[in-house]
C-alpha atoms as a PDB file:
ATOM      1  CA  MET A   1     -27.588 -19.127  54.210  1.00  0.00           C
ATOM      2  CA  ALA A   2     -29.021 -15.874  53.074  1.00  0.00           C
ATOM      3  CA  GLY A   3     -28.891 -16.977  49.541  1.00  0.00           C
ATOM      4  CA  LYS A   4     -30.530 -20.262  50.359  1.00  0.00           C
ATOM      5  CA  ALA A   5     -33.467 -18.564  52.117  1.00  0.00           C
ATOM      6  CA  ARG A   6     -33.865 -16.117  49.349  1.00  0.00           C
ATOM      7  CA  GLY A   7     -34.010 -18.864  46.895  1.00  0.00           C
ATOM      8  CA  LYS A   8     -36.747 -20.582  48.836  1.00  0.00           C
ATOM      9  CA  MET A   9     -38.695 -17.347  49.175  1.00  0.00           C
ATOM     10  CA  ILE A  10     -38.611 -16.599  45.425  1.00  0.00           C
ATOM     11  CA  ALA A  11     -39.571 -20.173  44.910  1.00  0.00           C
ATOM     12  CA  VAL A  12     -42.420 -20.014  47.159  1.00  0.00           C
ATOM     13  CA  ARG A  13     -43.675 -16.822  45.473  1.00  0.00           C
ATOM     14  CA  ALA A  14     -43.182 -18.169  41.814  1.00  0.00           C
ATOM     15  CA  ASN A  15     -44.816 -21.569  42.321  1.00  0.00           C
ATOM     16  CA  ASP A  16     -47.084 -21.539  45.335  1.00  0.00           C
ATOM     17  CA  SER A  17     -49.625 -18.753  45.214  1.00  0.00           C
ATOM     18  CA  GLY A  18     -51.252 -19.907  48.257  1.00  0.00           C
ATOM     19  CA  ALA A  19     -48.352 -20.039  50.536  1.00  0.00           C
ATOM     20  CA  ARG A  20     -47.492 -17.575  53.236  1.00  0.00           C
ATOM     21  CA  ARG A  21     -46.384 -14.156  52.048  1.00  0.00           C
ATOM     22  CA  PHE A  22     -43.208 -12.894  52.965  1.00  0.00           C
ATOM     23  CA  PRO A  23     -42.379  -8.997  53.258  1.00  0.00           C
ATOM     24  CA  LEU A  24     -41.959  -7.608  49.863  1.00  0.00           C
ATOM     25  CA  TRP A  25     -39.975  -4.755  50.904  1.00  0.00           C
ATOM     26  CA  LEU A  26     -37.414  -7.112  52.201  1.00  0.00           C
ATOM     27  CA  ILE A  27     -37.143  -9.139  48.807  1.00  0.00           C
ATOM     28  CA  SER A  28     -37.231  -6.163  46.359  1.00  0.00           C
ATOM     29  CA  ARG A  29     -34.288  -4.475  48.289  1.00  0.00           C
ATOM     30  CA  LYS A  30     -32.123  -7.703  47.980  1.00  0.00           C
ATOM     31  CA  GLU A  31     -33.055  -7.874  44.441  1.00  0.00           C
ATOM     32  CA  ARG A  32     -32.091  -4.268  43.815  1.00  0.00           C
ATOM     33  CA  LEU A  33     -28.698  -5.067  45.472  1.00  0.00           C
ATOM     34  CA  LEU A  34     -28.159  -7.944  43.207  1.00  0.00           C
ATOM     35  CA  THR A  35     -29.051  -6.064  40.189  1.00  0.00           C
ATOM     36  CA  THR A  36     -26.787  -3.248  41.105  1.00  0.00           C
ATOM     37  CA  GLY A  37     -24.129  -5.800  41.623  1.00  0.00           C
ATOM     38  CA  LEU A  38     -24.591  -7.308  38.310  1.00  0.00           C
ATOM     39  CA  VAL A  39     -24.724  -3.901  36.561  1.00  0.00           C
ATOM     40  CA  VAL A  40     -21.174  -3.061  38.261  1.00  0.00           C
ATOM     41  CA  LEU A  41     -19.667  -6.368  37.041  1.00  0.00           C
ATOM     42  CA  LEU A  42     -20.920  -5.862  33.706  1.00  0.00           C
ATOM     43  CA  LEU A  43     -19.503  -2.401  33.600  1.00  0.00           C
ATOM     44  CA  ILE A  44     -16.190  -3.586  34.771  1.00  0.00           C
ATOM     45  CA  GLY A  45     -16.119  -6.120  32.055  1.00  0.00           C
ATOM     46  CA  ASP A  46     -16.768  -3.675  29.451  1.00  0.00           C
ATOM     47  CA  LEU A  47     -13.836  -1.465  30.839  1.00  0.00           C
ATOM     48  CA  ALA A  48     -11.409  -4.402  30.877  1.00  0.00           C
ATOM     49  CA  GLY A  49     -12.260  -5.145  27.116  1.00  0.00           C
ATOM     50  CA  CYS A  50     -11.950  -1.469  26.096  1.00  0.00           C
ATOM     51  CA  SER A  51      -8.249  -1.209  27.893  1.00  0.00           C
ATOM     52  CA  ALA A  52      -7.268  -4.506  26.350  1.00  0.00           C
ATOM     53  CA  PRO A  53      -4.760  -3.856  23.376  1.00  0.00           C
ATOM     54  CA  VAL A  54      -6.337  -3.877  19.920  1.00  0.00           C
ATOM     55  CA  ARG A  55      -4.123  -5.189  17.018  1.00  0.00           C
ATOM     56  CA  ALA A  56      -3.936  -2.931  14.188  1.00  0.00           C
ATOM     57  CA  PRO A  57      -4.492  -4.679  10.691  1.00  0.00           C
ATOM     58  CA  VAL A  58      -1.724  -5.683   9.093  1.00  0.00           C
ATOM     59  CA  VAL A  59      -1.215  -4.070   5.427  1.00  0.00           C
ATOM     60  CA  SER A  60       1.482  -5.122   3.201  1.00  0.00           C
ATOM     61  CA  ARG A  61       3.527  -2.330   1.647  1.00  0.00           C
ATOM     62  CA  GLU A  62       4.577  -4.196  -1.317  1.00  0.00           C
ATOM     63  CA  GLN A  63       2.667  -2.790  -4.476  1.00  0.00           C
ATOM     64  CA  PRO A  64       2.011  -5.176  -7.371  1.00  0.00           C
ATOM     65  CA  SER A  65       4.541  -4.124 -10.107  1.00  0.00           C
ATOM     66  CA  SER A  66       3.549  -4.057 -13.528  1.00  0.00           C
ATOM     67  CA  GLN A  67       7.173  -4.750 -14.767  1.00  0.00           C
ATOM     68  CA  PRO A  68       8.260  -8.396 -15.221  1.00  0.00           C
ATOM     69  CA  GLN A  69      10.408  -9.594 -12.518  1.00  0.00           C
ATOM     70  CA  ARG A  70      13.959 -10.119 -13.807  1.00  0.00           C
ATOM     71  CA  SER A  71      15.840 -13.328 -13.202  1.00  0.00           C
ATOM     72  CA  SER A  72      18.349 -13.225 -10.302  1.00  0.00           C
ATOM     73  CA  ARG A  73      21.815 -13.172 -11.493  1.00  0.00           C
ATOM     74  CA  PRO A  74      24.690 -13.453  -8.835  1.00  0.00           C
ATOM     75  CA  THR A  75      27.348 -10.971  -9.013  1.00  0.00           C
ATOM     76  CA  VAL A  76      30.001 -13.690  -9.021  1.00  0.00           C
ATOM     77  CA  TYR A  77      29.934 -17.078 -10.477  1.00  0.00           C
ATOM     78  CA  ARG A  78      32.359 -20.144  -9.579  1.00  0.00           C
ATOM     79  CA  VAL A  79      33.048 -22.156 -12.644  1.00  0.00           C
ATOM     80  CA  GLN A  80      31.737 -25.974 -12.281  1.00  0.00           C
ATOM     81  CA  LYS A  81      33.312 -28.896 -14.272  1.00  0.00           C
ATOM     82  CA  GLY A  82      31.830 -29.026 -17.500  1.00  0.00           C
ATOM     83  CA  ASP A  83      31.138 -25.248 -17.749  1.00  0.00           C
ATOM     84  CA  THR A  84      32.322 -23.227 -20.723  1.00  0.00           C
ATOM     85  CA  LEU A  85      32.214 -19.460 -21.078  1.00  0.00           C
ATOM     86  CA  TYR A  86      29.396 -19.935 -23.586  1.00  0.00           C
ATOM     87  CA  SER A  87      27.175 -21.869 -21.336  1.00  0.00           C
ATOM     88  CA  ILE A  88      27.601 -19.643 -18.323  1.00  0.00           C
ATOM     89  CA  ALA A  89      26.647 -16.409 -20.507  1.00  0.00           C
ATOM     90  CA  TRP A  90      23.638 -18.481 -22.005  1.00  0.00           C
ATOM     91  CA  ARG A  91      22.434 -19.583 -18.355  1.00  0.00           C
ATOM     92  CA  PHE A  92      22.180 -15.888 -17.170  1.00  0.00           C
ATOM     93  CA  GLY A  93      21.259 -14.192 -20.541  1.00  0.00           C
ATOM     94  CA  ILE A  94      24.421 -12.247 -21.004  1.00  0.00           C
ATOM     95  CA  ASP A  95      26.565 -11.638 -24.137  1.00  0.00           C
ATOM     96  CA  TYR A  96      29.633 -14.166 -23.800  1.00  0.00           C
ATOM     97  CA  ARG A  97      31.819 -11.152 -25.014  1.00  0.00           C
ATOM     98  CA  SER A  98      30.667  -8.983 -22.164  1.00  0.00           C
ATOM     99  CA  VAL A  99      31.565 -11.930 -19.493  1.00  0.00           C
ATOM    100  CA  ALA A 100      35.028 -12.146 -21.351  1.00  0.00           C
ATOM    101  CA  SER A 101      35.547  -8.591 -21.295  1.00  0.00           C
ATOM    102  CA  TRP A 102      34.583  -8.162 -17.541  1.00  0.00           C
ATOM    103  CA  ASN A 103      37.142 -10.860 -16.470  1.00  0.00           C
ATOM    104  CA  GLY A 104      39.899  -9.967 -18.934  1.00  0.00           C
ATOM    105  CA  ILE A 105      39.500 -13.192 -20.740  1.00  0.00           C
ATOM    106  CA  ARG A 106      40.549 -13.394 -24.560  1.00  0.00           C
ATOM    107  CA  SER A 107      39.763 -15.736 -27.235  1.00  0.00           C
ATOM    108  CA  PRO A 108      39.444 -18.829 -27.272  1.00  0.00           C
ATOM    109  CA  TYR A 109      37.927 -18.045 -23.822  1.00  0.00           C
ATOM    110  CA  ILE A 110      39.260 -20.854 -21.596  1.00  0.00           C
ATOM    111  CA  ILE A 111      38.312 -21.113 -18.040  1.00  0.00           C
ATOM    112  CA  TYR A 112      38.933 -23.581 -15.165  1.00  0.00           C
ATOM    113  CA  PRO A 113      36.756 -25.111 -12.569  1.00  0.00           C
ATOM    114  CA  GLY A 114      36.838 -23.042  -9.330  1.00  0.00           C
ATOM    115  CA  GLN A 115      37.398 -19.842 -11.210  1.00  0.00           C
ATOM    116  CA  ARG A 116      35.581 -16.973  -9.969  1.00  0.00           C
ATOM    117  CA  LEU A 117      33.855 -15.022 -12.928  1.00  0.00           C
ATOM    118  CA  ARG A 118      32.281 -11.621 -12.651  1.00  0.00           C
ATOM    119  CA  LEU A 119      28.849 -11.428 -14.165  1.00  0.00           C
ATOM    120  CA  THR A 120      28.434  -7.709 -13.919  1.00  0.00           C
ATOM    121  CA  ARG A 121      29.978  -4.788 -15.370  1.00  0.00           C
ATOM    122  CA  PRO A 122      32.878  -3.569 -13.001  1.00  0.00           C
ATOM    123  CA  VAL A 123      32.243  -0.086 -11.328  1.00  0.00           C
ATOM    124  CA  GLN A 124      34.726   2.311 -12.737  1.00  0.00           C
ATOM    125  CA  LYS A 125      36.242   4.679 -10.099  1.00  0.00           C
ATOM    126  CA  ARG A 126      36.256   8.310 -11.082  1.00  0.00           C
ATOM    127  CA  VAL A 127      39.563  10.117 -10.677  1.00  0.00           C
ATOM    128  CA  ALA A 128      39.298  13.372  -9.078  1.00  0.00           C
ATOM    129  CA  LYS A 129      40.954  15.952 -11.062  1.00  0.00           C
ATOM    130  CA  SER A 130      43.782  17.925  -9.489  1.00  0.00           C
ATOM    131  CA  ALA A 131      43.385  21.720  -8.955  1.00  0.00           C
ATOM    132  CA  THR A 132      45.735  23.669 -11.200  1.00  0.00           C
ATOM    133  CA  VAL A 133      47.434  26.624  -9.442  1.00  0.00           C
ATOM    134  CA  LYS A 134      48.072  29.581 -11.901  1.00  0.00           C
ATOM    135  CA  THR A 135      51.342  31.124 -11.399  1.00  0.00           C
ATOM    136  CA  PRO A 136      51.603  34.879 -11.992  1.00  0.00           C
ATOM    137  CA  GLN A 137      53.783  35.686 -15.113  1.00  0.00           C
ATOM    138  CA  THR A 138      56.513  38.221 -14.900  1.00  0.00           C
ATOM    139  CA  LYS A 139      57.685  40.569 -17.419  1.00  0.00           C
ATOM    140  CA  GLY A 140      59.975  39.101 -19.816  1.00  0.00           C
ATOM    141  CA  ALA A 141      59.036  35.575 -19.172  1.00  0.00           C
ATOM    142  CA  ALA A 142      58.635  33.397 -22.246  1.00  0.00           C
ATOM    143  CA  THR A 143      55.209  32.699 -23.273  1.00  0.00           C
ATOM    144  CA  LYS A 144      54.007  29.125 -23.600  1.00  0.00           C
ATOM    145  CA  LYS A 145      53.979  27.832 -27.056  1.00  0.00           C
ATOM    146  CA  LYS A 146      50.759  25.782 -28.063  1.00  0.00           C
ATOM    147  CA  PRO A 147      51.257  22.409 -29.370  1.00  0.00           C
ATOM    148  CA  VAL A 148      51.178  22.089 -33.136  1.00  0.00           C
ATOM    149  CA  VAL A 149      48.606  19.760 -34.212  1.00  0.00           C
ATOM    150  CA  SER A 150      49.075  18.375 -37.920  1.00  0.00           C
ATOM    151  CA  VAL A 151      46.024  18.108 -40.394  1.00  0.00           C
ATOM    152  CA  LYS A 152      46.641  14.396 -40.539  1.00  0.00           C
ATOM    153  CA  GLN A 153      46.227  14.094 -36.892  1.00  0.00           C
ATOM    154  CA  VAL A 154      43.015  16.047 -37.022  1.00  0.00           C
ATOM    155  CA  SER A 155      41.550  14.011 -39.736  1.00  0.00           C
ATOM    156  CA  GLN A 156      42.539  10.700 -37.810  1.00  0.00           C
ATOM    157  CA  SER A 157      40.875  11.803 -34.680  1.00  0.00           C
ATOM    158  CA  ALA A 158      37.835  12.821 -36.492  1.00  0.00           C
ATOM    159  CA  LYS A 159      37.649   9.596 -38.185  1.00  0.00           C
ATOM    160  CA  LYS A 160      37.716   7.715 -34.921  1.00  0.00           C
ATOM    161  CA  LYS A 161      35.121   9.987 -33.235  1.00  0.00           C
ATOM    162  CA  VAL A 162      32.826   9.560 -36.231  1.00  0.00           C
ATOM    163  CA  SER A 163      33.324   5.733 -36.212  1.00  0.00           C
ATOM    164  CA  SER A 164      32.643   5.311 -32.497  1.00  0.00           C
ATOM    165  CA  SER A 165      29.527   7.200 -32.634  1.00  0.00           C
ATOM    166  CA  GLN A 166      28.353   5.263 -35.368  1.00  0.00           C
ATOM    167  CA  SER A 167      29.118   2.104 -33.667  1.00  0.00           C
ATOM    168  CA  LYS A 168      27.430   2.983 -30.361  1.00  0.00           C
ATOM    169  CA  GLY A 169      24.314   4.289 -32.057  1.00  0.00           C
ATOM    170  CA  LYS A 170      23.851   1.329 -34.513  1.00  0.00           C
ATOM    171  CA  ILE A 171      23.298  -2.389 -33.488  1.00  0.00           C
ATOM    172  CA  VAL A 172      25.517  -4.938 -35.326  1.00  0.00           C
ATOM    173  CA  ASN A 173      23.098  -7.097 -37.355  1.00  0.00           C
ATOM    174  CA  ASN A 174      24.595 -10.038 -39.483  1.00  0.00           C
ATOM    175  CA  SER A 175      21.309 -11.667 -40.112  1.00  0.00           C
ATOM    176  CA  SER A 176      21.589 -11.196 -43.891  1.00  0.00           C
ATOM    177  CA  GLU A 177      24.611 -13.408 -43.950  1.00  0.00           C
ATOM    178  CA  LEU A 178      22.940 -16.226 -42.367  1.00  0.00           C
ATOM    179  CA  ARG A 179      20.267 -18.480 -44.204  1.00  0.00           C
ATOM    180  CA  TRP A 180      18.666 -20.533 -41.253  1.00  0.00           C
ATOM    181  CA  LEU A 181      17.221 -24.072 -41.646  1.00  0.00           C
ATOM    182  CA  TRP A 182      14.800 -25.986 -39.747  1.00  0.00           C
ATOM    183  CA  PRO A 183      16.481 -28.066 -37.104  1.00  0.00           C
ATOM    184  CA  THR A 184      14.086 -30.886 -37.210  1.00  0.00           C
ATOM    185  CA  ASP A 185      10.608 -32.167 -38.563  1.00  0.00           C
ATOM    186  CA  GLY A 186       7.733 -31.670 -36.477  1.00  0.00           C
ATOM    187  CA  THR A 187       4.889 -29.333 -35.062  1.00  0.00           C
ATOM    188  CA  VAL A 188       5.525 -25.969 -33.321  1.00  0.00           C
ATOM    189  CA  VAL A 189       3.608 -26.510 -29.979  1.00  0.00           C
ATOM    190  CA  GLN A 190       5.073 -23.307 -28.072  1.00  0.00           C
ATOM    191  CA  ARG A 191       6.032 -19.975 -29.500  1.00  0.00           C
ATOM    192  CA  PHE A 192       8.368 -17.457 -28.401  1.00  0.00           C
ATOM    193  CA  VAL A 193       7.336 -14.929 -26.208  1.00  0.00           C
ATOM    194  CA  LYS A 194       9.407 -11.752 -25.413  1.00  0.00           C
ATOM    195  CA  GLY A 195      10.270 -11.164 -21.795  1.00  0.00           C
ATOM    196  CA  ASP A 196       9.062 -14.530 -20.730  1.00  0.00           C
ATOM    197  CA  PRO A 197      11.746 -16.582 -19.056  1.00  0.00           C
ATOM    198  CA  VAL A 198       9.869 -19.683 -19.829  1.00  0.00           C
ATOM    199  CA  LYS A 199       9.489 -19.148 -23.583  1.00  0.00           C
ATOM    200  CA  LYS A 200      12.688 -17.933 -24.783  1.00  0.00           C
ATOM    201  CA  GLY A 201      12.608 -20.182 -27.765  1.00  0.00           C
ATOM    202  CA  VAL A 202      10.057 -22.572 -29.767  1.00  0.00           C
ATOM    203  CA  LYS A 203       9.254 -26.145 -28.887  1.00  0.00           C
ATOM    204  CA  ILE A 204       8.818 -28.561 -31.806  1.00  0.00           C
ATOM    205  CA  LYS A 205       7.104 -31.884 -31.275  1.00  0.00           C
ATOM    206  CA  GLY A 206       8.317 -34.545 -33.247  1.00  0.00           C
ATOM    207  CA  ARG A 207       9.371 -38.160 -33.164  1.00  0.00           C
ATOM    208  CA  TYR A 208      11.397 -39.690 -30.570  1.00  0.00           C
ATOM    209  CA  GLY A 209      14.954 -40.376 -31.899  1.00  0.00           C
ATOM    210  CA  ALA A 210      14.488 -38.084 -34.852  1.00  0.00           C
ATOM    211  CA  SER A 211      17.538 -36.175 -36.351  1.00  0.00           C
ATOM    212  CA  VAL A 212      18.397 -32.794 -34.965  1.00  0.00           C
ATOM    213  CA  LYS A 213      20.381 -30.611 -37.562  1.00  0.00           C
ATOM    214  CA  ALA A 214      22.516 -27.557 -37.118  1.00  0.00           C
ATOM    215  CA  ALA A 215      20.362 -24.727 -38.360  1.00  0.00           C
ATOM    216  CA  GLU A 216      23.296 -22.695 -39.642  1.00  0.00           C
ATOM    217  CA  THR A 217      27.061 -23.469 -40.205  1.00  0.00           C
ATOM    218  CA  GLY A 218      29.070 -22.916 -37.092  1.00  0.00           C
ATOM    219  CA  LYS A 219      31.305 -24.151 -34.199  1.00  0.00           C
ATOM    220  CA  VAL A 220      30.034 -26.097 -31.421  1.00  0.00           C
ATOM    221  CA  VAL A 221      30.656 -24.122 -28.132  1.00  0.00           C
ATOM    222  CA  TYR A 222      28.988 -26.258 -25.760  1.00  0.00           C
ATOM    223  CA  ALA A 223      27.654 -29.941 -25.428  1.00  0.00           C
ATOM    224  CA  GLY A 224      26.377 -31.318 -22.248  1.00  0.00           C
ATOM    225  CA  SER A 225      23.817 -31.469 -19.723  1.00  0.00           C
ATOM    226  CA  GLY A 226      24.883 -28.863 -17.109  1.00  0.00           C
ATOM    227  CA  LEU A 227      22.121 -26.412 -17.767  1.00  0.00           C
ATOM    228  CA  ILE A 228      18.933 -26.941 -15.645  1.00  0.00           C
ATOM    229  CA  GLY A 229      15.812 -27.228 -17.881  1.00  0.00           C
ATOM    230  CA  TYR A 230      17.608 -27.982 -21.281  1.00  0.00           C
ATOM    231  CA  GLY A 231      18.398 -31.731 -20.702  1.00  0.00           C
ATOM    232  CA  ARG A 232      21.348 -32.589 -23.352  1.00  0.00           C
ATOM    233  CA  LEU A 233      21.882 -29.423 -24.952  1.00  0.00           C
ATOM    234  CA  VAL A 234      24.097 -28.166 -27.864  1.00  0.00           C
ATOM    235  CA  ILE A 235      24.812 -24.578 -28.387  1.00  0.00           C
ATOM    236  CA  ILE A 236      26.496 -23.392 -31.720  1.00  0.00           C
ATOM    237  CA  LYS A 237      28.258 -20.142 -32.510  1.00  0.00           C
ATOM    238  CA  HIS A 238      27.537 -19.193 -35.908  1.00  0.00           C
ATOM    239  CA  ASN A 239      29.334 -15.691 -35.778  1.00  0.00           C
ATOM    240  CA  LYS A 240      30.247 -13.135 -33.216  1.00  0.00           C
ATOM    241  CA  ASN A 241      26.719 -11.984 -32.819  1.00  0.00           C
ATOM    242  CA  TYR A 242      24.365 -15.141 -33.085  1.00  0.00           C
ATOM    243  CA  LEU A 243      24.116 -18.433 -31.290  1.00  0.00           C
ATOM    244  CA  SER A 244      21.811 -21.316 -31.601  1.00  0.00           C
ATOM    245  CA  ALA A 245      20.684 -24.011 -28.980  1.00  0.00           C
ATOM    246  CA  TYR A 246      19.182 -27.401 -29.182  1.00  0.00           C
ATOM    247  CA  GLY A 247      17.732 -28.807 -25.861  1.00  0.00           C
ATOM    248  CA  HIS A 248      16.192 -32.057 -24.658  1.00  0.00           C
ATOM    249  CA  ASN A 249      18.212 -34.494 -26.996  1.00  0.00           C
ATOM    250  CA  LYS A 250      18.337 -38.152 -26.626  1.00  0.00           C
ATOM    251  CA  LYS A 251      21.808 -38.433 -27.804  1.00  0.00           C
ATOM    252  CA  ILE A 252      24.453 -35.959 -28.885  1.00  0.00           C
ATOM    253  CA  HIS A 253      26.860 -36.558 -31.837  1.00  0.00           C
ATOM    254  CA  VAL A 254      29.069 -33.823 -31.770  1.00  0.00           C
ATOM    255  CA  LYS A 255      31.678 -32.293 -29.242  1.00  0.00           C
ATOM    256  CA  GLU A 256      32.758 -28.951 -28.208  1.00  0.00           C
ATOM    257  CA  GLY A 257      35.314 -27.570 -30.763  1.00  0.00           C
ATOM    258  CA  ASP A 258      33.552 -29.355 -33.755  1.00  0.00           C
ATOM    259  CA  THR A 259      32.903 -27.159 -36.880  1.00  0.00           C
ATOM    260  CA  VAL A 260      29.510 -28.223 -38.267  1.00  0.00           C
ATOM    261  CA  LYS A 261      27.942 -27.242 -41.560  1.00  0.00           C
ATOM    262  CA  LYS A 262      24.162 -26.273 -41.928  1.00  0.00           C
ATOM    263  CA  GLY A 263      21.988 -29.308 -42.028  1.00  0.00           C
ATOM    264  CA  ARG A 264      24.325 -31.723 -40.314  1.00  0.00           C
ATOM    265  CA  ARG A 265      23.055 -34.199 -37.757  1.00  0.00           C
ATOM    266  CA  ILE A 266      24.177 -32.918 -34.287  1.00  0.00           C
ATOM    267  CA  ALA A 267      21.797 -34.822 -32.036  1.00  0.00           C
ATOM    268  CA  GLU A 268      18.740 -37.158 -31.762  1.00  0.00           C
ATOM    269  CA  MET A 269      15.326 -35.720 -30.490  1.00  0.00           C
ATOM    270  CA  GLY A 270      14.633 -36.741 -26.905  1.00  0.00           C
ATOM    271  CA  ASN A 271      11.774 -36.262 -24.406  1.00  0.00           C
ATOM    272  CA  ASP A 272      10.772 -33.112 -22.592  1.00  0.00           C
ATOM    273  CA  GLY A 273       9.997 -32.943 -18.712  1.00  0.00           C
ATOM    274  CA  ASN A 274       6.482 -34.458 -19.529  1.00  0.00           C
ATOM    275  CA  GLY A 275       7.843 -37.406 -21.403  1.00  0.00           C
ATOM    276  CA  LYS A 276       6.824 -35.915 -24.850  1.00  0.00           C
ATOM    277  CA  PRO A 277       9.302 -36.227 -27.819  1.00  0.00           C
ATOM    278  CA  MET A 278      10.073 -32.632 -28.129  1.00  0.00           C
ATOM    279  CA  LEU A 279      13.122 -30.088 -29.377  1.00  0.00           C
ATOM    280  CA  HIS A 280      13.846 -26.836 -27.616  1.00  0.00           C
ATOM    281  CA  PHE A 281      15.140 -24.522 -30.061  1.00  0.00           C
ATOM    282  CA  GLU A 282      16.743 -21.015 -29.442  1.00  0.00           C
ATOM    283  CA  ILE A 283      18.400 -18.337 -31.245  1.00  0.00           C
ATOM    284  CA  ARG A 284      20.310 -15.568 -29.337  1.00  0.00           C
ATOM    285  CA  ARG A 285      21.484 -12.272 -30.744  1.00  0.00           C
ATOM    286  CA  ASN A 286      24.191 -10.589 -28.752  1.00  0.00           C
ATOM    287  CA  GLY A 287      23.036 -12.861 -25.669  1.00  0.00           C
ATOM    288  CA  ALA A 288      19.310 -11.599 -25.970  1.00  0.00           C
ATOM    289  CA  PRO A 289      16.743 -14.339 -27.202  1.00  0.00           C
ATOM    290  CA  VAL A 290      15.072 -13.445 -30.489  1.00  0.00           C
ATOM    291  CA  ASP A 291      12.104 -15.158 -32.048  1.00  0.00           C
ATOM    292  CA  PRO A 292      13.225 -18.032 -34.221  1.00  0.00           C
ATOM    293  CA  LEU A 293      10.228 -18.028 -36.478  1.00  0.00           C
ATOM    294  CA  LYS A 294      11.076 -14.558 -37.846  1.00  0.00           C
ATOM    295  CA  LEU A 295      14.413 -16.061 -38.988  1.00  0.00           C
ATOM    296  CA  LEU A 296      13.494 -19.568 -39.995  1.00  0.00           C
ATOM    297  CA  PRO A 297      12.122 -20.036 -43.610  1.00  0.00           C
ATOM    298  CA  ARG A 298       8.194 -20.441 -44.031  1.00  0.00           C
ATOM    299  CA  ARG A 299       7.325 -24.427 -44.322  1.00  0.00           C
ATOM    300  CA  PRO A 300       5.391 -25.163 -47.635  1.00  0.00           C
END
């Protein structure tokens, strides 16, 4: 009721100058009380806002790395139907000889579906050296004779050390023995880029169904479509260091184990993922991709 009365009194004061006058001291006192109450409420609201928990800004600890990200490689791979040791090594960018060595597989490198293959170098356990206890020699005890080493044994061991050091420091390169040939007719529309997982070879645009030829003499070690991103693929082994691959084929004309001569038709050009007639061509040395344009002859 007091609030309603006050509202009437204030309305009369604001709108009716000729109306009866009320005691100003009573109105001013109530106004002061209301003002004080509002200030208290505002202060309480500010304190409540200050006591509310404030979330700290979220900052990522990950720093942008300048190094290219490496493709993930599993430690162990289970062999699928249609796999060969060469195709597995090709898929993960490893030298096939390393995969064979890590798994104790000898030539001709036969593997079986369901077999588990190690794709990393096994950790060698260090053997702790046993402590040697020196026994005091008594007088009259026979002195131990040093083993006699012949000059022939010394020369043989020296040769082994020299040959091993030379092989470790020198990369085997048989490129001079190979005379590469262009695998098909067409235009290079994508070049090789070192370290780029998408541009490990060159893409040659040509005619759908055109002949795909072996770039060098060798043995077919894979022919199938089990590698994602390559379509129908042919891999040829030219020597212990070099392999070549031919992807996106319409049809394959060779099978695994065939020996093919340079220039022989091994497949027909198919389409890439965008529906364009294209051949994906790669050359790898010791499991690592190299630029095919540096090995292929210059076109006239």
